[in-house]
Amino acid sequence: MEMTTAVAATTWEHGRFDARDGPHKLLFGRMYEDAAIEGNAFRLGGRVFCIASAGCTAMKLTPHHEVVAVDINPVQLAYVEHRLNGGSSRAGTAERILAFARALGPLTGWWPSRVRAFLDLNNPVEQMVYWRRDLDTRRFRAALDLLFSAPTLRSIYASSFLHFLPPNLGAVMRRRMERCFASLPNRTNPYARALFLGEMPNERLPPEVKNIRLMHADAATFLESEPVGSFDGFTLSNILDGASVAYEQRLFAAVKRAAAPGAVVVLRSFRDPPSMLPANHAAEDRAMIWGVVDVRPAIEL
């Protein structure tokens, strides 16, 4: 694993969701980002810059792309290296939060057997009937509103991770779930099973994972140091959620500098999409949680 010096530039450098001082933590044991979006957006054989996170997207892209996976959190990057060497998945902070929420599910009518039956459905029409009849209960809506309320979120997350979120987030997240249930089959959606059951299958690693280049760095700093025109694709996760306008401008400038002709960028966000966003693919992302999955030519940033 290669290492380079990271520049203090983003909220993510803290390596924690809260604002407390302390060691960096493993934030994500898996990625809740549908890598099929990137697979369809990037040209085969291209060189791809990837936010490492839990390594899922990098591993899915590497059979058909040259992947460079970068993360500012050294604990997160060490975990990716562990997975690339055949290590099993582990729960991060995000998974522990989700596990706590799932443990309260029976209080709202979300018994595990009922959820499994729902996730075994393969017809969006049947899924919506089941959802409205058995899962989208008054108690569930009240619990989700409480879980995503400002006081609850402030007890878990630093303010920099919250100011950009839409109001009435519980209702927003329900609409995003319904958008997925109404259009995509549950049975073949591994992201739904991860979200609602906590299932984190240890998938067989493609042999090409040995070619993934891992770098400990801030994304903008790394791209500023790379040769001009050296990447054909960029998958940036939701790196700009909580970032300053100045950092966004710096990152976009670095991406455009490092972009080869025809390069494509995929950028996610929990924000509600702006009114004019012609390239939003959030409805196609099976992870269902995103407000924005922006897919566009790097030159248009």
C-alpha atoms as a PDB file:
ATOM      1  CA  MET A   1       0.000   0.000   0.000  1.00  0.00           C
ATOM      2  CA  GLU A   2       1.411   3.354  -1.029  1.00  0.00           C
ATOM      3  CA  MET A   3       1.182   6.376   1.235  1.00  0.00           C
ATOM      4  CA  THR A   4       1.373  10.089   0.728  1.00  0.00           C
ATOM      5  CA  THR A   5       0.836  13.122   2.913  1.00  0.00           C
ATOM      6  CA  ALA A   6      -2.771  14.362   3.163  1.00  0.00           C
ATOM      7  CA  VAL A   7      -3.687  18.016   3.381  1.00  0.00           C
ATOM      8  CA  ALA A   8      -6.257  19.083   5.983  1.00  0.00           C
ATOM      9  CA  ALA A   9      -9.079  20.091   3.704  1.00  0.00           C
ATOM     10  CA  THR A  10     -12.377  18.337   4.401  1.00  0.00           C
ATOM     11  CA  THR A  11     -14.669  17.313   7.233  1.00  0.00           C
ATOM     12  CA  TRP A  12     -13.821  13.709   6.420  1.00  0.00           C
ATOM     13  CA  GLU A  13     -10.228  14.197   7.582  1.00  0.00           C
ATOM     14  CA  HIS A  14     -11.485  14.007  11.185  1.00  0.00           C
ATOM     15  CA  GLY A  15     -12.157  10.306  10.646  1.00  0.00           C
ATOM     16  CA  ARG A  16     -15.290  10.381  12.798  1.00  0.00           C
ATOM     17  CA  PHE A  17     -18.927  11.313  12.427  1.00  0.00           C
ATOM     18  CA  ASP A  18     -19.001  13.183  15.756  1.00  0.00           C
ATOM     19  CA  ALA A  19     -17.103  16.340  16.635  1.00  0.00           C
ATOM     20  CA  ARG A  20     -15.182  14.801  19.550  1.00  0.00           C
ATOM     21  CA  ASP A  21     -11.424  14.588  19.581  1.00  0.00           C
ATOM     22  CA  GLY A  22     -10.114  11.072  19.387  1.00  0.00           C
ATOM     23  CA  PRO A  23      -8.679   8.421  17.096  1.00  0.00           C
ATOM     24  CA  HIS A  24      -9.948   7.863  13.585  1.00  0.00           C
ATOM     25  CA  LYS A  25     -12.664   5.232  13.293  1.00  0.00           C
ATOM     26  CA  LEU A  26     -13.850   2.755  10.718  1.00  0.00           C
ATOM     27  CA  LEU A  27     -16.924   4.606   9.447  1.00  0.00           C
ATOM     28  CA  PHE A  28     -18.152   2.225   6.753  1.00  0.00           C
ATOM     29  CA  GLY A  29     -17.986  -1.558   6.703  1.00  0.00           C
ATOM     30  CA  ARG A  30     -19.586  -1.567   3.279  1.00  0.00           C
ATOM     31  CA  MET A  31     -20.644   1.013   0.711  1.00  0.00           C
ATOM     32  CA  TYR A  32     -24.265   1.957   0.175  1.00  0.00           C
ATOM     33  CA  GLU A  33     -23.595   3.034  -3.407  1.00  0.00           C
ATOM     34  CA  ASP A  34     -24.738   1.054  -6.424  1.00  0.00           C
ATOM     35  CA  ALA A  35     -21.569   0.502  -8.437  1.00  0.00           C
ATOM     36  CA  ALA A  36     -23.670  -0.434 -11.475  1.00  0.00           C
ATOM     37  CA  ILE A  37     -24.033   3.329 -11.989  1.00  0.00           C
ATOM     38  CA  GLU A  38     -20.266   3.646 -12.415  1.00  0.00           C
ATOM     39  CA  GLY A  39     -20.072   0.453 -14.455  1.00  0.00           C
ATOM     40  CA  ASN A  40     -22.489   1.918 -16.989  1.00  0.00           C
ATOM     41  CA  ALA A  41     -20.933   5.391 -16.974  1.00  0.00           C
ATOM     42  CA  PHE A  42     -17.218   4.607 -17.400  1.00  0.00           C
ATOM     43  CA  ARG A  43     -15.644   3.358 -20.604  1.00  0.00           C
ATOM     44  CA  LEU A  44     -14.192  -0.135 -20.387  1.00  0.00           C
ATOM     45  CA  GLY A  45     -10.461  -0.265 -19.814  1.00  0.00           C
ATOM     46  CA  GLY A  46     -10.271   3.293 -18.526  1.00  0.00           C
ATOM     47  CA  ARG A  47      -8.302   4.541 -15.533  1.00  0.00           C
ATOM     48  CA  VAL A  48     -10.636   5.404 -12.638  1.00  0.00           C
ATOM     49  CA  PHE A  49     -10.177   7.532  -9.529  1.00  0.00           C
ATOM     50  CA  CYS A  50     -12.248   6.163  -6.659  1.00  0.00           C
ATOM     51  CA  ILE A  51     -12.940   7.259  -3.091  1.00  0.00           C
ATOM     52  CA  ALA A  52     -11.886   4.107  -1.250  1.00  0.00           C
ATOM     53  CA  SER A  53     -14.477   4.106   1.576  1.00  0.00           C
ATOM     54  CA  ALA A  54     -15.100   0.386   2.279  1.00  0.00           C
ATOM     55  CA  GLY A  55     -13.637  -0.701  -1.063  1.00  0.00           C
ATOM     56  CA  CYS A  56     -16.845  -2.118  -2.584  1.00  0.00           C
ATOM     57  CA  THR A  57     -16.929   0.135  -5.648  1.00  0.00           C
ATOM     58  CA  ALA A  58     -13.214  -0.262  -6.327  1.00  0.00           C
ATOM     59  CA  MET A  59     -13.549  -4.053  -6.186  1.00  0.00           C
ATOM     60  CA  LYS A  60     -16.521  -4.089  -8.552  1.00  0.00           C
ATOM     61  CA  LEU A  61     -14.798  -1.821 -11.090  1.00  0.00           C
ATOM     62  CA  THR A  62     -11.369  -3.412 -11.127  1.00  0.00           C
ATOM     63  CA  PRO A  63     -12.129  -6.342 -13.512  1.00  0.00           C
ATOM     64  CA  HIS A  64     -12.721  -3.817 -16.302  1.00  0.00           C
ATOM     65  CA  HIS A  65     -10.807  -0.717 -15.192  1.00  0.00           C
ATOM     66  CA  GLU A  66      -7.498   0.402 -13.757  1.00  0.00           C
ATOM     67  CA  VAL A  67      -8.526   1.625 -10.297  1.00  0.00           C
ATOM     68  CA  VAL A  68      -6.809   4.058  -7.954  1.00  0.00           C
ATOM     69  CA  ALA A  69      -8.616   4.126  -4.568  1.00  0.00           C
ATOM     70  CA  VAL A  70      -7.915   7.105  -2.316  1.00  0.00           C
ATOM     71  CA  ASP A  71      -9.071   7.864   1.221  1.00  0.00           C
ATOM     72  CA  ILE A  72      -8.155  10.521   3.753  1.00  0.00           C
ATOM     73  CA  ASN A  73      -9.019   8.242   6.710  1.00  0.00           C
ATOM     74  CA  PRO A  74      -6.113   5.839   7.366  1.00  0.00           C
ATOM     75  CA  VAL A  75      -8.330   3.441   9.329  1.00  0.00           C
ATOM     76  CA  GLN A  76     -10.731   3.200   6.407  1.00  0.00           C
ATOM     77  CA  LEU A  77      -7.889   2.627   3.972  1.00  0.00           C
ATOM     78  CA  ALA A  78      -6.322  -0.096   6.165  1.00  0.00           C
ATOM     79  CA  TYR A  79      -9.698  -1.828   6.220  1.00  0.00           C
ATOM     80  CA  VAL A  80      -9.853  -1.797   2.415  1.00  0.00           C
ATOM     81  CA  GLU A  81      -6.380  -3.332   2.292  1.00  0.00           C
ATOM     82  CA  HIS A  82      -7.576  -5.980   4.761  1.00  0.00           C
ATOM     83  CA  ARG A  83     -10.503  -6.818   2.472  1.00  0.00           C
ATOM     84  CA  LEU A  84      -8.336  -6.895  -0.655  1.00  0.00           C
ATOM     85  CA  ASN A  85      -6.132  -9.453   1.090  1.00  0.00           C
ATOM     86  CA  GLY A  86      -9.121 -11.710   1.685  1.00  0.00           C
ATOM     87  CA  GLY A  87     -10.189 -10.423   5.095  1.00  0.00           C
ATOM     88  CA  SER A  88     -13.833 -10.521   6.086  1.00  0.00           C
ATOM     89  CA  SER A  89     -16.128  -7.507   6.230  1.00  0.00           C
ATOM     90  CA  ARG A  90     -16.538  -5.728   9.548  1.00  0.00           C
ATOM     91  CA  ALA A  91     -19.130  -3.328  10.868  1.00  0.00           C
ATOM     92  CA  GLY A  92     -18.231   0.343  10.918  1.00  0.00           C
ATOM     93  CA  THR A  93     -19.950   3.210  12.714  1.00  0.00           C
ATOM     94  CA  ALA A  94     -22.612   3.407   9.992  1.00  0.00           C
ATOM     95  CA  GLU A  95     -23.469  -0.288  10.383  1.00  0.00           C
ATOM     96  CA  ARG A  96     -23.714  -0.002  14.174  1.00  0.00           C
ATOM     97  CA  ILE A  97     -26.135   2.904  13.817  1.00  0.00           C
ATOM     98  CA  LEU A  98     -28.223   0.898  11.346  1.00  0.00           C
ATOM     99  CA  ALA A  99     -28.138  -2.165  13.633  1.00  0.00           C
ATOM    100  CA  PHE A 100     -29.498  -0.078  16.503  1.00  0.00           C
ATOM    101  CA  ALA A 101     -32.321   1.197  14.276  1.00  0.00           C
ATOM    102  CA  ARG A 102     -33.128  -2.341  13.086  1.00  0.00           C
ATOM    103  CA  ALA A 103     -33.264  -3.605  16.678  1.00  0.00           C
ATOM    104  CA  LEU A 104     -36.176  -1.216  17.260  1.00  0.00           C
ATOM    105  CA  GLY A 105     -37.972  -2.461  14.147  1.00  0.00           C
ATOM    106  CA  PRO A 106     -40.373  -4.902  15.900  1.00  0.00           C
ATOM    107  CA  LEU A 107     -41.753  -1.987  17.909  1.00  0.00           C
ATOM    108  CA  THR A 108     -42.990  -0.506  14.630  1.00  0.00           C
ATOM    109  CA  GLY A 109     -44.226  -3.775  13.111  1.00  0.00           C
ATOM    110  CA  TRP A 110     -40.993  -4.487  11.242  1.00  0.00           C
ATOM    111  CA  TRP A 111     -40.550  -8.109  12.339  1.00  0.00           C
ATOM    112  CA  PRO A 112     -37.558  -9.783  10.604  1.00  0.00           C
ATOM    113  CA  SER A 113     -39.822 -12.407   8.994  1.00  0.00           C
ATOM    114  CA  ARG A 114     -42.046  -9.672   7.581  1.00  0.00           C
ATOM    115  CA  VAL A 115     -39.054  -7.738   6.221  1.00  0.00           C
ATOM    116  CA  ARG A 116     -37.580 -10.880   4.640  1.00  0.00           C
ATOM    117  CA  ALA A 117     -40.870 -11.661   2.945  1.00  0.00           C
ATOM    118  CA  PHE A 118     -40.915  -8.135   1.538  1.00  0.00           C
ATOM    119  CA  LEU A 119     -37.339  -8.370   0.272  1.00  0.00           C
ATOM    120  CA  ASP A 120     -38.107 -11.680  -1.444  1.00  0.00           C
ATOM    121  CA  LEU A 121     -40.667  -9.991  -3.701  1.00  0.00           C
ATOM    122  CA  ASN A 122     -39.752  -9.524  -7.340  1.00  0.00           C
ATOM    123  CA  ASN A 123     -42.614  -7.380  -8.665  1.00  0.00           C
ATOM    124  CA  PRO A 124     -42.660  -3.636  -7.955  1.00  0.00           C
ATOM    125  CA  VAL A 125     -46.480  -3.534  -8.010  1.00  0.00           C
ATOM    126  CA  GLU A 126     -46.667  -6.268  -5.367  1.00  0.00           C
ATOM    127  CA  GLN A 127     -43.900  -4.568  -3.426  1.00  0.00           C
ATOM    128  CA  MET A 128     -45.843  -1.329  -3.153  1.00  0.00           C
ATOM    129  CA  VAL A 129     -48.979  -3.163  -2.018  1.00  0.00           C
ATOM    130  CA  TYR A 130     -46.973  -4.975   0.672  1.00  0.00           C
ATOM    131  CA  TRP A 131     -45.135  -1.789   1.666  1.00  0.00           C
ATOM    132  CA  ARG A 132     -48.289   0.243   2.185  1.00  0.00           C
ATOM    133  CA  ARG A 133     -50.181  -2.546   3.894  1.00  0.00           C
ATOM    134  CA  ASP A 134     -47.551  -4.027   6.216  1.00  0.00           C
ATOM    135  CA  LEU A 135     -44.495  -1.803   6.565  1.00  0.00           C
ATOM    136  CA  ASP A 136     -45.335   1.877   6.055  1.00  0.00           C
ATOM    137  CA  THR A 137     -47.216   1.995   9.325  1.00  0.00           C
ATOM    138  CA  ARG A 138     -47.962   5.027  11.462  1.00  0.00           C
ATOM    139  CA  ARG A 139     -45.533   3.748  14.086  1.00  0.00           C
ATOM    140  CA  PHE A 140     -42.814   3.279  11.446  1.00  0.00           C
ATOM    141  CA  ARG A 141     -43.296   6.804  10.109  1.00  0.00           C
ATOM    142  CA  ALA A 142     -43.141   8.254  13.624  1.00  0.00           C
ATOM    143  CA  ALA A 143     -40.003   6.253  14.436  1.00  0.00           C
ATOM    144  CA  LEU A 144     -38.265   7.283  11.220  1.00  0.00           C
ATOM    145  CA  ASP A 145     -39.152  10.932  11.816  1.00  0.00           C
ATOM    146  CA  LEU A 146     -37.642  10.669  15.306  1.00  0.00           C
ATOM    147  CA  LEU A 147     -34.533   8.864  14.046  1.00  0.00           C
ATOM    148  CA  PHE A 148     -33.903  11.568  11.430  1.00  0.00           C
ATOM    149  CA  SER A 149     -34.917  14.501  13.614  1.00  0.00           C
ATOM    150  CA  ALA A 150     -32.436  17.295  14.263  1.00  0.00           C
ATOM    151  CA  PRO A 151     -31.933  16.456  17.989  1.00  0.00           C
ATOM    152  CA  THR A 152     -31.230  12.780  17.244  1.00  0.00           C
ATOM    153  CA  LEU A 153     -28.842  13.536  14.394  1.00  0.00           C
ATOM    154  CA  ARG A 154     -26.974  16.152  16.464  1.00  0.00           C
ATOM    155  CA  SER A 155     -26.338  13.501  19.122  1.00  0.00           C
ATOM    156  CA  ILE A 156     -24.510  11.365  16.548  1.00  0.00           C
ATOM    157  CA  TYR A 157     -23.053  13.661  13.870  1.00  0.00           C
ATOM    158  CA  ALA A 158     -20.956  16.813  13.844  1.00  0.00           C
ATOM    159  CA  SER A 159     -22.803  19.894  12.602  1.00  0.00           C
ATOM    160  CA  SER A 160     -20.780  19.906   9.380  1.00  0.00           C
ATOM    161  CA  PHE A 161     -22.553  16.687   8.360  1.00  0.00           C
ATOM    162  CA  LEU A 162     -26.021  18.105   8.986  1.00  0.00           C
ATOM    163  CA  HIS A 163     -26.455  21.644   7.664  1.00  0.00           C
ATOM    164  CA  PHE A 164     -26.984  20.578   4.045  1.00  0.00           C
ATOM    165  CA  LEU A 165     -29.646  17.945   4.797  1.00  0.00           C
ATOM    166  CA  PRO A 166     -33.209  18.620   3.626  1.00  0.00           C
ATOM    167  CA  PRO A 167     -35.861  19.402   6.256  1.00  0.00           C
ATOM    168  CA  ASN A 168     -38.280  16.638   7.250  1.00  0.00           C
ATOM    169  CA  LEU A 169     -35.577  14.098   6.476  1.00  0.00           C
ATOM    170  CA  GLY A 170     -37.645  11.154   7.686  1.00  0.00           C
ATOM    171  CA  ALA A 171     -40.318  11.854   5.065  1.00  0.00           C
ATOM    172  CA  VAL A 172     -37.637  12.437   2.428  1.00  0.00           C
ATOM    173  CA  MET A 173     -36.006   9.069   3.128  1.00  0.00           C
ATOM    174  CA  ARG A 174     -39.373   7.289   2.958  1.00  0.00           C
ATOM    175  CA  ARG A 175     -39.988   8.812  -0.468  1.00  0.00           C
ATOM    176  CA  ARG A 176     -36.564   7.632  -1.642  1.00  0.00           C
ATOM    177  CA  MET A 177     -37.306   4.113  -0.419  1.00  0.00           C
ATOM    178  CA  GLU A 178     -40.675   4.090  -2.153  1.00  0.00           C
ATOM    179  CA  ARG A 179     -39.077   5.337  -5.367  1.00  0.00           C
ATOM    180  CA  CYS A 180     -36.907   2.217  -5.353  1.00  0.00           C
ATOM    181  CA  PHE A 181     -39.636  -0.228  -4.302  1.00  0.00           C
ATOM    182  CA  ALA A 182     -41.949   1.097  -7.015  1.00  0.00           C
ATOM    183  CA  SER A 183     -39.486   0.581  -9.852  1.00  0.00           C
ATOM    184  CA  LEU A 184     -36.857  -2.054  -8.972  1.00  0.00           C
ATOM    185  CA  PRO A 185     -37.288  -5.677  -7.817  1.00  0.00           C
ATOM    186  CA  ASN A 186     -36.346  -6.303  -4.193  1.00  0.00           C
ATOM    187  CA  ARG A 187     -35.175  -9.874  -4.674  1.00  0.00           C
ATOM    188  CA  THR A 188     -32.153  -8.885  -6.750  1.00  0.00           C
ATOM    189  CA  ASN A 189     -31.287  -5.797  -4.710  1.00  0.00           C
ATOM    190  CA  PRO A 190     -28.369  -6.561  -2.353  1.00  0.00           C
ATOM    191  CA  TYR A 191     -28.365  -2.966  -1.102  1.00  0.00           C
ATOM    192  CA  ALA A 192     -31.892  -3.339   0.274  1.00  0.00           C
ATOM    193  CA  ARG A 193     -30.865  -6.480   2.155  1.00  0.00           C
ATOM    194  CA  ALA A 194     -27.846  -4.686   3.582  1.00  0.00           C
ATOM    195  CA  LEU A 195     -29.929  -1.718   4.698  1.00  0.00           C
ATOM    196  CA  PHE A 196     -32.903  -3.562   6.186  1.00  0.00           C
ATOM    197  CA  LEU A 197     -31.361  -6.877   7.313  1.00  0.00           C
ATOM    198  CA  GLY A 198     -27.720  -5.962   7.860  1.00  0.00           C
ATOM    199  CA  GLU A 199     -26.551  -8.718   5.543  1.00  0.00           C
ATOM    200  CA  MET A 200     -22.980  -8.101   4.377  1.00  0.00           C
ATOM    201  CA  PRO A 201     -22.039 -11.015   2.133  1.00  0.00           C
ATOM    202  CA  ASN A 202     -18.361 -11.723   1.659  1.00  0.00           C
ATOM    203  CA  GLU A 203     -18.339 -11.828  -2.120  1.00  0.00           C
ATOM    204  CA  ARG A 204     -15.620 -13.676  -3.972  1.00  0.00           C
ATOM    205  CA  LEU A 205     -12.868 -11.229  -4.852  1.00  0.00           C
ATOM    206  CA  PRO A 206     -11.976 -10.895  -8.515  1.00  0.00           C
ATOM    207  CA  PRO A 207      -8.302 -11.664  -9.096  1.00  0.00           C
ATOM    208  CA  GLU A 208      -7.796  -8.133 -10.431  1.00  0.00           C
ATOM    209  CA  VAL A 209      -8.087  -6.646  -6.914  1.00  0.00           C
ATOM    210  CA  LYS A 210      -4.339  -7.127  -6.621  1.00  0.00           C
ATOM    211  CA  ASN A 211      -3.993  -4.341  -9.174  1.00  0.00           C
ATOM    212  CA  ILE A 212      -5.937  -1.723  -7.165  1.00  0.00           C
ATOM    213  CA  ARG A 213      -3.618   1.093  -6.141  1.00  0.00           C
ATOM    214  CA  LEU A 214      -4.396   2.359  -2.614  1.00  0.00           C
ATOM    215  CA  MET A 215      -3.413   5.868  -1.597  1.00  0.00           C
ATOM    216  CA  HIS A 216      -3.763   7.681   1.725  1.00  0.00           C
ATOM    217  CA  ALA A 217      -4.522  11.234   0.658  1.00  0.00           C
ATOM    218  CA  ASP A 218      -7.044  14.010   0.429  1.00  0.00           C
ATOM    219  CA  ALA A 219      -8.817  13.664  -2.922  1.00  0.00           C
ATOM    220  CA  ALA A 220      -8.096  17.173  -4.203  1.00  0.00           C
ATOM    221  CA  THR A 221      -4.472  17.061  -3.081  1.00  0.00           C
ATOM    222  CA  PHE A 222      -3.911  13.720  -4.789  1.00  0.00           C
ATOM    223  CA  LEU A 223      -5.513  14.774  -8.072  1.00  0.00           C
ATOM    224  CA  GLU A 224      -3.508  18.010  -8.096  1.00  0.00           C
ATOM    225  CA  SER A 225      -0.343  15.904  -8.034  1.00  0.00           C
ATOM    226  CA  GLU A 226      -1.341  13.526 -10.838  1.00  0.00           C
ATOM    227  CA  PRO A 227      -0.406  14.089 -14.498  1.00  0.00           C
ATOM    228  CA  VAL A 228      -2.805  16.187 -16.547  1.00  0.00           C
ATOM    229  CA  GLY A 229      -5.439  14.094 -18.333  1.00  0.00           C
ATOM    230  CA  SER A 230      -4.614  10.875 -16.493  1.00  0.00           C
ATOM    231  CA  PHE A 231      -8.098   9.613 -15.470  1.00  0.00           C
ATOM    232  CA  ASP A 232     -11.063   8.491 -17.571  1.00  0.00           C
ATOM    233  CA  GLY A 233     -13.526   8.290 -14.687  1.00  0.00           C
ATOM    234  CA  PHE A 234     -14.028   9.692 -11.191  1.00  0.00           C
ATOM    235  CA  THR A 235     -16.351   8.213  -8.560  1.00  0.00           C
ATOM    236  CA  LEU A 236     -16.378  10.686  -5.693  1.00  0.00           C
ATOM    237  CA  SER A 237     -18.946   9.141  -3.322  1.00  0.00           C
ATOM    238  CA  ASN A 238     -20.563  11.952  -1.284  1.00  0.00           C
ATOM    239  CA  ILE A 239     -17.271  13.669  -0.507  1.00  0.00           C
ATOM    240  CA  LEU A 240     -18.855  17.117  -0.823  1.00  0.00           C
ATOM    241  CA  ASP A 241     -21.555  16.536   1.793  1.00  0.00           C
ATOM    242  CA  GLY A 242     -20.450  18.944   4.488  1.00  0.00           C
ATOM    243  CA  ALA A 243     -17.575  20.406   2.470  1.00  0.00           C
ATOM    244  CA  SER A 244     -17.050  24.131   2.060  1.00  0.00           C
ATOM    245  CA  VAL A 245     -17.664  25.933  -1.216  1.00  0.00           C
ATOM    246  CA  ALA A 246     -13.937  26.612  -1.403  1.00  0.00           C
ATOM    247  CA  TYR A 247     -13.126  22.903  -1.165  1.00  0.00           C
ATOM    248  CA  GLU A 248     -15.765  22.060  -3.771  1.00  0.00           C
ATOM    249  CA  GLN A 249     -14.216  24.535  -6.190  1.00  0.00           C
ATOM    250  CA  ARG A 250     -10.743  23.194  -5.499  1.00  0.00           C
ATOM    251  CA  LEU A 251     -11.835  19.583  -6.004  1.00  0.00           C
ATOM    252  CA  PHE A 252     -13.659  20.337  -9.253  1.00  0.00           C
ATOM    253  CA  ALA A 253     -10.626  22.191 -10.592  1.00  0.00           C
ATOM    254  CA  ALA A 254      -8.414  19.226  -9.683  1.00  0.00           C
ATOM    255  CA  VAL A 255     -10.796  16.780 -11.358  1.00  0.00           C
ATOM    256  CA  LYS A 256     -10.952  18.787 -14.577  1.00  0.00           C
ATOM    257  CA  ARG A 257      -7.169  19.066 -14.620  1.00  0.00           C
ATOM    258  CA  ALA A 258      -6.720  15.290 -14.156  1.00  0.00           C
ATOM    259  CA  ALA A 259      -9.521  14.350 -16.572  1.00  0.00           C
ATOM    260  CA  ALA A 260      -8.732  12.765 -19.909  1.00  0.00           C
ATOM    261  CA  PRO A 261     -10.902  13.743 -22.900  1.00  0.00           C
ATOM    262  CA  GLY A 262     -14.378  12.256 -22.432  1.00  0.00           C
ATOM    263  CA  ALA A 263     -13.866  11.556 -18.708  1.00  0.00           C
ATOM    264  CA  VAL A 264     -17.041  11.086 -16.628  1.00  0.00           C
ATOM    265  CA  VAL A 265     -17.697  11.996 -12.985  1.00  0.00           C
ATOM    266  CA  VAL A 266     -20.133  10.302 -10.577  1.00  0.00           C
ATOM    267  CA  LEU A 267     -20.944  12.334  -7.458  1.00  0.00           C
ATOM    268  CA  ARG A 268     -23.510  11.405  -4.789  1.00  0.00           C
ATOM    269  CA  SER A 269     -25.184  13.490  -2.099  1.00  0.00           C
ATOM    270  CA  PHE A 270     -27.855  13.218   0.582  1.00  0.00           C
ATOM    271  CA  ARG A 271     -29.045  16.676  -0.479  1.00  0.00           C
ATOM    272  CA  ASP A 272     -32.289  17.169  -2.312  1.00  0.00           C
ATOM    273  CA  PRO A 273     -31.479  17.646  -6.000  1.00  0.00           C
ATOM    274  CA  PRO A 274     -31.472  21.190  -7.367  1.00  0.00           C
ATOM    275  CA  SER A 275     -34.322  21.997  -9.722  1.00  0.00           C
ATOM    276  CA  MET A 276     -32.021  21.942 -12.752  1.00  0.00           C
ATOM    277  CA  LEU A 277     -30.022  18.702 -12.649  1.00  0.00           C
ATOM    278  CA  PRO A 278     -30.499  16.856 -15.937  1.00  0.00           C
ATOM    279  CA  ALA A 279     -28.015  14.098 -15.094  1.00  0.00           C
ATOM    280  CA  ASN A 280     -29.469  12.866 -11.773  1.00  0.00           C
ATOM    281  CA  HIS A 281     -29.492   9.046 -11.650  1.00  0.00           C
ATOM    282  CA  ALA A 282     -30.598   8.710  -8.010  1.00  0.00           C
ATOM    283  CA  ALA A 283     -33.726   6.772  -9.022  1.00  0.00           C
ATOM    284  CA  GLU A 284     -31.505   4.108 -10.649  1.00  0.00           C
ATOM    285  CA  ASP A 285     -29.241   3.633  -7.622  1.00  0.00           C
ATOM    286  CA  ARG A 286     -30.478   0.496  -5.835  1.00  0.00           C
ATOM    287  CA  ALA A 287     -29.039   1.735  -2.543  1.00  0.00           C
ATOM    288  CA  MET A 288     -32.114   4.043  -2.533  1.00  0.00           C
ATOM    289  CA  ILE A 289     -30.772   6.557   0.026  1.00  0.00           C
ATOM    290  CA  TRP A 290     -29.401   9.259  -2.268  1.00  0.00           C
ATOM    291  CA  GLY A 291     -31.026  12.492  -3.331  1.00  0.00           C
ATOM    292  CA  VAL A 292     -28.364  13.121  -5.972  1.00  0.00           C
ATOM    293  CA  VAL A 293     -26.371  10.718  -8.117  1.00  0.00           C
ATOM    294  CA  ASP A 294     -24.903  13.176 -10.579  1.00  0.00           C
ATOM    295  CA  VAL A 295     -23.327  11.607 -13.676  1.00  0.00           C
ATOM    296  CA  ARG A 296     -21.766  14.073 -16.092  1.00  0.00           C
ATOM    297  CA  PRO A 297     -18.703  14.773 -18.236  1.00  0.00           C
ATOM    298  CA  ALA A 298     -15.857  16.120 -16.115  1.00  0.00           C
ATOM    299  CA  ILE A 299     -15.578  19.112 -18.432  1.00  0.00           C
ATOM    300  CA  GLU A 300     -19.051  20.244 -17.263  1.00  0.00           C
ATOM    301  CA  LEU A 301     -18.141  20.557 -13.561  1.00  0.00           C
END
